Amino acid sequence: MIIQKYGGTSLATTEKMHAIAKRIKNRKKTGEKLIIVVSAMGKTTTDLLTLANQAVKDPNGRDVDMLLATGEQVSSALLSMILNANGVKTVALNAYQAGIKTEGLFNKNKIKDINLTRINKHLANDETIVITGFQGVTAEGDVATLGRGGSDTSAVALAAKLSGLCEIYTDVDGIYSADPRRIKDARKLSAISYEEMSELAYLGAKVMEPRAVEIAQKFKVPVYVSDAHSEQKGTWIKEDDTMLESRSITGLSVMEDIVMITINNIETPDKEIADLFIRLADEDVNIDMISQSMNEVTGANVSFTCRDDDLKTVRKVLEQMRHDYPLFKVSEDTDVTKVSVVGLGMRSQSGVAAKLFRLFASHRIAFKQVTTSEISISYALSSRSVDKAVQLIAEAFELKEAANATL
């Protein structure tokens, strides 16, 4: 059982769809059972969001999801037509027809379960199924979307439910030690552990959606990432084993489109900060870096980062809190980019943090915040420092292909 997911760039035109249909037809000849999960064509989702915001100032989430869900339906219907015309018996299903049940907030729903009744019926008839990614249906029967990168989640969840393999086809031919658009000679990885990929995804690597990696790790779903229009070997995401390279740093990620919020004049930190983050969690705002300090004169202050598409919600929460905490002074810093390094080797190899701090100090790169985990270190930098920092880190930790020959 193979679940293939095709991203929007690989489906951008009907010509590209014909090329993908040929690829699927060839795989079908090997006797594999295939389920195809599709994203919306090209930049359709972005265009639909722009249309929604042109229509009204603040569209409600339910209506936005109704609109966005149409993008994947177009892709699934067109690809199904092309496959059928090429002799591949195919059926297109939307999320409701495929039994994908979700829950949570609109625009950020999460998959709760998948009813396989109809999927199994079509598989028994030896039909290739083309399913809309990025979406599901709530208990109330509403169409809801899964948030950015949600088609990855759809595909991995189906693979978990069907005990199959998952193949993610996109516009890159695998997972690299760093974004090749930033580091020209970044190394392509033959394999990466679930844990490292999950960390990189949460820290900004756009090749996989974080929740998709979480599901893959939980249910031990092997995931293969490659280019939809190339035969080059891609990258496996799997359990950590002896085949994975034992470097201190496996990869580097950059997260843009974030904002740092600072709140000063917090009189009772234990109560007020807890209240703040509880309210943000209730609104499903994903908080990232957090730092707190005390001042004898002005009280405590706390800074945190979040995605800029959550800024409207954060502002709403803080405005509500002003009624209870009128002394709050809030500032926003939009000149923030997060640069992170990730590697399982950090657990056993000391000195990574020292090397990074020394590197930044010697090249006068200032940072606004720093956070760590067992296998990652992240710095919040001014955007103008990012390119320099990334190049220095890539050189220092041998993340470029050219360095491979010296190992």
Foldseek 3Di string as FASTA:
>chain_A
DEEEEEEQACQQDLVSLLLLLVVVVVVVVVVDAYEYEYEFHDCVLVVQVVVVCVVDPDDDLLVNLVRSQVRLVVSQVSSCVSNVVVPAAEDEDEQVQQQFEWDDGAQAIDTDATDRVNVVVCVVVVHHYYYYFQWHAYPVGGIGGNHPQRRLQVRLRVCLVVVHAYEYAYAAAADFQEPCVLVVQFHGFQEDELVQVLVQQVQADRQHHNVSSVSCVVSQHWYWYGHSNDPDGYHIYGHDDPVGDQFLFRHKHKHAQKKKKKKWQDADCVPPVVVLVVQCVSVVWDKDDKDKDADPPRGIMMMTMGGNVCVVVSVVSVVVCCVVVVSIDMDMDNQKMKMKTFDLNLLPDPDPVVVLVVLCVVVVFDFDGWDDDSTMIMTIGGNVCPSVSVVSVCVVRVRGPVSVVVD
